[in-house]
N, C-alpha and C. Protein backbone atom coordinates (compact mmCIF):
# COMPACT_ATOMS: atom_id res chain seq x y z
N MET A 1 0.42 1.42 2.31
CA MET A 1 -0.39 0.23 2.11
C MET A 1 -0.02 -0.40 0.77
N ASP A 2 -0.10 -1.69 0.69
CA ASP A 2 0.25 -2.44 -0.50
C ASP A 2 -0.97 -2.58 -1.41
N GLU A 3 -1.04 -1.73 -2.44
CA GLU A 3 -2.18 -1.75 -3.36
C GLU A 3 -2.29 -3.07 -4.10
N LYS A 4 -1.14 -3.62 -4.52
CA LYS A 4 -1.16 -4.88 -5.27
C LYS A 4 -1.67 -6.02 -4.41
N GLY A 5 -1.23 -6.07 -3.16
CA GLY A 5 -1.70 -7.13 -2.25
C GLY A 5 -3.19 -7.03 -2.01
N LEU A 6 -3.67 -5.82 -1.79
CA LEU A 6 -5.11 -5.61 -1.59
C LEU A 6 -5.88 -6.05 -2.82
N GLY A 7 -5.42 -5.61 -3.98
CA GLY A 7 -6.10 -5.97 -5.23
C GLY A 7 -6.12 -7.47 -5.47
N LYS A 8 -5.00 -8.13 -5.20
CA LYS A 8 -4.93 -9.59 -5.38
C LYS A 8 -5.89 -10.30 -4.45
N ARG A 9 -5.99 -9.84 -3.21
CA ARG A 9 -6.90 -10.48 -2.27
C ARG A 9 -8.36 -10.27 -2.70
N ILE A 10 -8.69 -9.07 -3.16
CA ILE A 10 -10.05 -8.82 -3.65
C ILE A 10 -10.34 -9.74 -4.83
N ASN A 11 -9.39 -9.84 -5.75
CA ASN A 11 -9.56 -10.69 -6.93
C ASN A 11 -9.76 -12.15 -6.53
N ARG A 12 -8.95 -12.63 -5.60
CA ARG A 12 -9.03 -14.03 -5.16
C ARG A 12 -10.39 -14.32 -4.52
N VAL A 13 -10.82 -13.43 -3.64
CA VAL A 13 -12.11 -13.65 -2.96
C VAL A 13 -13.26 -13.55 -3.96
N ARG A 14 -13.18 -12.60 -4.87
CA ARG A 14 -14.22 -12.45 -5.90
C ARG A 14 -14.37 -13.75 -6.69
N LYS A 15 -13.25 -14.30 -7.12
CA LYS A 15 -13.30 -15.55 -7.89
C LYS A 15 -13.78 -16.71 -7.03
N ASP A 16 -13.34 -16.76 -5.76
CA ASP A 16 -13.81 -17.81 -4.85
C ASP A 16 -15.32 -17.76 -4.66
N ARG A 17 -15.87 -16.56 -4.68
CA ARG A 17 -17.31 -16.38 -4.51
C ARG A 17 -18.07 -16.61 -5.82
N GLY A 18 -17.34 -16.78 -6.93
CA GLY A 18 -17.97 -17.03 -8.22
C GLY A 18 -18.48 -15.79 -8.92
N PHE A 19 -17.98 -14.63 -8.52
CA PHE A 19 -18.39 -13.37 -9.16
C PHE A 19 -17.45 -13.01 -10.30
N THR A 20 -18.03 -12.50 -11.37
CA THR A 20 -17.22 -11.87 -12.40
C THR A 20 -16.91 -10.46 -11.94
N ALA A 21 -15.94 -9.82 -12.60
CA ALA A 21 -15.65 -8.43 -12.27
C ALA A 21 -16.86 -7.56 -12.55
N ASP A 22 -17.58 -7.87 -13.62
CA ASP A 22 -18.78 -7.09 -13.94
C ASP A 22 -19.84 -7.22 -12.86
N LYS A 23 -20.03 -8.44 -12.35
CA LYS A 23 -21.04 -8.66 -11.31
C LYS A 23 -20.66 -7.94 -10.02
N LEU A 24 -19.40 -8.06 -9.60
CA LEU A 24 -18.98 -7.39 -8.36
C LEU A 24 -19.09 -5.88 -8.52
N SER A 25 -18.67 -5.36 -9.65
CA SER A 25 -18.75 -3.91 -9.84
C SER A 25 -20.20 -3.45 -9.81
N GLU A 26 -21.09 -4.26 -10.36
CA GLU A 26 -22.52 -3.93 -10.32
C GLU A 26 -23.03 -3.91 -8.88
N LEU A 27 -22.65 -4.93 -8.10
CA LEU A 27 -23.07 -5.00 -6.69
C LEU A 27 -22.54 -3.82 -5.89
N CYS A 28 -21.36 -3.31 -6.28
CA CYS A 28 -20.73 -2.21 -5.55
C CYS A 28 -21.07 -0.84 -6.14
N ASN A 29 -21.83 -0.86 -7.22
CA ASN A 29 -22.23 0.37 -7.90
C ASN A 29 -21.01 1.18 -8.36
N ILE A 30 -20.05 0.47 -8.95
CA ILE A 30 -18.86 1.12 -9.51
C ILE A 30 -18.63 0.60 -10.93
N ASN A 31 -17.80 1.29 -11.65
CA ASN A 31 -17.43 0.91 -13.00
C ASN A 31 -16.53 -0.32 -12.97
N ALA A 32 -16.76 -1.28 -13.88
CA ALA A 32 -15.95 -2.50 -13.91
C ALA A 32 -14.49 -2.20 -14.19
N THR A 33 -14.22 -1.17 -14.98
CA THR A 33 -12.84 -0.77 -15.26
C THR A 33 -12.15 -0.33 -13.98
N TYR A 34 -12.86 0.42 -13.13
CA TYR A 34 -12.32 0.87 -11.85
C TYR A 34 -12.01 -0.34 -10.97
N LEU A 35 -12.92 -1.32 -10.93
CA LEU A 35 -12.67 -2.53 -10.14
C LEU A 35 -11.43 -3.25 -10.64
N ARG A 36 -11.29 -3.37 -11.95
CA ARG A 36 -10.11 -4.05 -12.50
C ARG A 36 -8.82 -3.29 -12.14
N GLN A 37 -8.90 -1.97 -12.09
CA GLN A 37 -7.74 -1.17 -11.69
C GLN A 37 -7.41 -1.41 -10.22
N ILE A 38 -8.43 -1.54 -9.40
CA ILE A 38 -8.22 -1.85 -7.97
C ILE A 38 -7.58 -3.23 -7.85
N GLU A 39 -8.15 -4.22 -8.53
CA GLU A 39 -7.62 -5.58 -8.46
C GLU A 39 -6.20 -5.67 -9.01
N GLY A 40 -5.88 -4.83 -9.98
CA GLY A 40 -4.55 -4.84 -10.56
C GLY A 40 -3.53 -4.04 -9.76
N GLY A 41 -3.99 -3.35 -8.73
CA GLY A 41 -3.09 -2.57 -7.89
C GLY A 41 -2.78 -1.18 -8.41
N ALA A 42 -3.47 -0.76 -9.48
CA ALA A 42 -3.23 0.56 -10.05
C ALA A 42 -3.96 1.66 -9.28
N LYS A 43 -5.06 1.30 -8.62
CA LYS A 43 -5.86 2.28 -7.87
C LYS A 43 -6.20 1.73 -6.51
N MET A 44 -6.36 2.65 -5.56
CA MET A 44 -6.85 2.30 -4.23
C MET A 44 -8.33 2.67 -4.17
N PRO A 45 -9.15 1.79 -3.61
CA PRO A 45 -10.57 2.16 -3.50
C PRO A 45 -10.77 3.22 -2.43
N SER A 46 -11.79 4.04 -2.65
CA SER A 46 -12.18 4.98 -1.61
C SER A 46 -12.79 4.17 -0.47
N LEU A 47 -12.93 4.77 0.69
CA LEU A 47 -13.50 4.06 1.83
C LEU A 47 -14.91 3.53 1.53
N PRO A 48 -15.82 4.34 0.94
CA PRO A 48 -17.15 3.78 0.62
C PRO A 48 -17.09 2.60 -0.35
N VAL A 49 -16.19 2.66 -1.33
CA VAL A 49 -16.06 1.56 -2.28
C VAL A 49 -15.47 0.34 -1.57
N PHE A 50 -14.47 0.55 -0.73
CA PHE A 50 -13.88 -0.56 0.03
C PHE A 50 -14.95 -1.26 0.87
N ILE A 51 -15.77 -0.49 1.55
CA ILE A 51 -16.85 -1.06 2.37
C ILE A 51 -17.85 -1.81 1.50
N ALA A 52 -18.18 -1.25 0.34
CA ALA A 52 -19.11 -1.92 -0.58
C ALA A 52 -18.53 -3.26 -1.05
N ILE A 53 -17.23 -3.28 -1.34
CA ILE A 53 -16.58 -4.52 -1.77
C ILE A 53 -16.64 -5.55 -0.64
N CYS A 54 -16.30 -5.14 0.57
CA CYS A 54 -16.35 -6.06 1.72
C CYS A 54 -17.76 -6.61 1.91
N ASN A 55 -18.76 -5.75 1.82
CA ASN A 55 -20.13 -6.20 2.00
C ASN A 55 -20.57 -7.15 0.89
N ALA A 56 -20.23 -6.81 -0.35
CA ALA A 56 -20.63 -7.65 -1.48
C ALA A 56 -19.97 -9.03 -1.42
N LEU A 57 -18.70 -9.05 -0.99
CA LEU A 57 -17.97 -10.30 -0.91
C LEU A 57 -18.20 -11.04 0.41
N LYS A 58 -18.89 -10.36 1.34
CA LYS A 58 -19.13 -10.92 2.67
C LYS A 58 -17.81 -11.33 3.33
N ILE A 59 -16.89 -10.37 3.36
CA ILE A 59 -15.57 -10.60 3.92
C ILE A 59 -15.21 -9.47 4.86
N SER A 60 -14.44 -9.77 5.87
CA SER A 60 -14.06 -8.74 6.83
C SER A 60 -12.95 -7.88 6.23
N PRO A 61 -12.95 -6.60 6.55
CA PRO A 61 -11.91 -5.69 6.06
C PRO A 61 -10.51 -6.13 6.49
N ASP A 62 -10.38 -6.76 7.66
CA ASP A 62 -9.04 -7.12 8.13
C ASP A 62 -8.38 -8.15 7.22
N TYR A 63 -9.16 -9.02 6.60
CA TYR A 63 -8.55 -9.97 5.67
C TYR A 63 -7.98 -9.23 4.46
N LEU A 64 -8.75 -8.30 3.92
CA LEU A 64 -8.30 -7.57 2.74
C LEU A 64 -7.14 -6.63 3.06
N LEU A 65 -7.06 -6.18 4.31
CA LEU A 65 -5.99 -5.26 4.72
C LEU A 65 -4.87 -5.96 5.46
N GLN A 66 -4.71 -7.24 5.25
CA GLN A 66 -3.78 -8.01 6.07
C GLN A 66 -2.35 -7.53 6.02
N ASP A 67 -1.91 -6.88 4.94
CA ASP A 67 -0.54 -6.38 4.95
C ASP A 67 -0.39 -5.26 5.96
N VAL A 68 -1.47 -4.57 6.25
CA VAL A 68 -1.46 -3.50 7.24
C VAL A 68 -1.59 -4.10 8.64
N LEU A 69 -2.24 -5.22 8.71
CA LEU A 69 -2.56 -5.81 10.01
C LEU A 69 -1.70 -7.04 10.31
N VAL A 70 -0.46 -7.02 9.88
CA VAL A 70 0.42 -8.17 10.04
C VAL A 70 0.54 -8.57 11.51
N GLU A 71 0.69 -7.60 12.39
CA GLU A 71 0.82 -7.92 13.82
C GLU A 71 -0.42 -8.65 14.33
N ASN A 72 -1.59 -8.20 13.88
CA ASN A 72 -2.83 -8.85 14.29
C ASN A 72 -2.86 -10.29 13.78
N GLU A 73 -2.41 -10.49 12.56
CA GLU A 73 -2.38 -11.84 11.98
C GLU A 73 -1.40 -12.72 12.73
N ILE A 74 -0.23 -12.21 13.03
CA ILE A 74 0.76 -12.98 13.78
C ILE A 74 0.20 -13.37 15.14
N SER A 75 -0.49 -12.46 15.78
CA SER A 75 -1.10 -12.73 17.07
C SER A 75 -2.14 -13.84 16.95
N ARG A 76 -2.95 -13.79 15.88
CA ARG A 76 -3.99 -14.79 15.66
C ARG A 76 -3.36 -16.16 15.41
N ILE A 77 -2.31 -16.20 14.60
CA ILE A 77 -1.62 -17.46 14.31
C ILE A 77 -1.01 -18.04 15.59
N LYS A 78 -0.42 -17.17 16.40
CA LYS A 78 0.17 -17.62 17.66
C LYS A 78 -0.91 -18.20 18.56
N GLU A 79 -2.05 -17.55 18.63
CA GLU A 79 -3.15 -18.04 19.46
C GLU A 79 -3.62 -19.41 18.96
N LEU A 80 -3.77 -19.56 17.65
CA LEU A 80 -4.20 -20.85 17.10
C LEU A 80 -3.17 -21.94 17.36
N THR A 81 -1.91 -21.58 17.23
CA THR A 81 -0.84 -22.55 17.50
C THR A 81 -0.89 -23.02 18.95
N GLU A 82 -1.06 -22.09 19.87
CA GLU A 82 -1.14 -22.46 21.29
C GLU A 82 -2.35 -23.35 21.56
N LEU A 83 -3.47 -23.02 20.94
CA LEU A 83 -4.66 -23.86 21.11
C LEU A 83 -4.41 -25.25 20.56
N TRP A 84 -3.81 -25.32 19.38
CA TRP A 84 -3.53 -26.60 18.73
C TRP A 84 -2.61 -27.47 19.59
N GLU A 85 -1.58 -26.85 20.13
CA GLU A 85 -0.60 -27.59 20.92
C GLU A 85 -1.20 -28.13 22.22
N ASN A 86 -2.29 -27.54 22.67
CA ASN A 86 -2.91 -27.96 23.93
C ASN A 86 -4.11 -28.87 23.71
N THR A 87 -4.19 -29.50 22.52
CA THR A 87 -5.30 -30.42 22.26
C THR A 87 -4.76 -31.82 22.02
N SER A 88 -5.62 -32.77 22.24
CA SER A 88 -5.25 -34.17 22.01
C SER A 88 -5.33 -34.46 20.51
N PRO A 89 -4.74 -35.57 20.08
CA PRO A 89 -4.84 -35.94 18.67
C PRO A 89 -6.30 -36.07 18.18
N SER A 90 -7.16 -36.60 19.02
CA SER A 90 -8.57 -36.74 18.59
C SER A 90 -9.23 -35.37 18.47
N GLU A 91 -8.90 -34.45 19.36
CA GLU A 91 -9.44 -33.09 19.26
C GLU A 91 -8.90 -32.38 18.02
N GLN A 92 -7.64 -32.66 17.67
CA GLN A 92 -7.07 -32.09 16.47
C GLN A 92 -7.79 -32.61 15.22
N GLU A 93 -8.14 -33.88 15.22
CA GLU A 93 -8.88 -34.44 14.09
C GLU A 93 -10.25 -33.77 13.96
N ILE A 94 -10.92 -33.57 15.07
CA ILE A 94 -12.23 -32.92 15.06
C ILE A 94 -12.09 -31.47 14.56
N ALA A 95 -11.10 -30.76 15.07
CA ALA A 95 -10.89 -29.37 14.66
C ALA A 95 -10.58 -29.29 13.16
N THR A 96 -9.75 -30.19 12.67
CA THR A 96 -9.41 -30.22 11.25
C THR A 96 -10.66 -30.49 10.41
N ALA A 97 -11.48 -31.43 10.84
CA ALA A 97 -12.72 -31.74 10.12
C ALA A 97 -13.65 -30.53 10.10
N MET A 98 -13.73 -29.81 11.22
CA MET A 98 -14.58 -28.62 11.28
C MET A 98 -14.08 -27.54 10.33
N ILE A 99 -12.79 -27.32 10.31
CA ILE A 99 -12.22 -26.30 9.41
C ILE A 99 -12.49 -26.68 7.96
N ARG A 100 -12.27 -27.95 7.63
CA ARG A 100 -12.54 -28.41 6.26
C ARG A 100 -14.00 -28.20 5.90
N ALA A 101 -14.91 -28.49 6.82
CA ALA A 101 -16.34 -28.33 6.56
C ALA A 101 -16.68 -26.86 6.30
N VAL A 102 -16.11 -25.97 7.07
CA VAL A 102 -16.35 -24.53 6.86
C VAL A 102 -15.83 -24.10 5.50
N LEU A 103 -14.63 -24.54 5.15
CA LEU A 103 -14.04 -24.16 3.86
C LEU A 103 -14.86 -24.72 2.70
N GLU A 104 -15.33 -25.95 2.82
CA GLU A 104 -16.16 -26.54 1.77
C GLU A 104 -17.48 -25.79 1.66
N HIS A 105 -18.06 -25.43 2.79
CA HIS A 105 -19.33 -24.69 2.81
C HIS A 105 -19.15 -23.34 2.10
N ASN A 106 -18.04 -22.67 2.32
CA ASN A 106 -17.80 -21.37 1.70
C ASN A 106 -17.58 -21.47 0.20
N LYS A 107 -17.10 -22.61 -0.27
CA LYS A 107 -16.91 -22.81 -1.71
C LYS A 107 -18.23 -23.04 -2.42
N GLY A 108 -19.14 -23.67 -1.72
CA GLY A 108 -20.41 -24.06 -2.36
C GLY A 108 -21.45 -23.10 -2.09
C-alpha cells in the first residue's frame, strides 16, 4: 500500500473540511504528532484509527485507499464515461450543474 498517497489524501480531505491537524487528531482520539506522521507517509494508521479518520472526515474508505482500489476506480470512470456518452447535451449540462452543486455544498 502507498503510505504517502494515503497520507496525502487524508491531508487534502482534512484541509477541505476545514480541520486543523490538532482538531482531526482530537476527533480521532489520537496524538497530533501521530496524525502528522500518517499524513506525511511515515506511518500507517491502525484499522481503528483509519476508521476513526474516515468517520471524522465523513469520507468513504475507498477514496482514501484508491491506490489499492485502482481497478474499482477504473471501473467507476468507465461507467461514468458510458453514461455521459449516452446523454444529450442538455442532460450533460444538467449533470454538470448537479456535480458542481454537490462540490460547492461540500466546500461550505
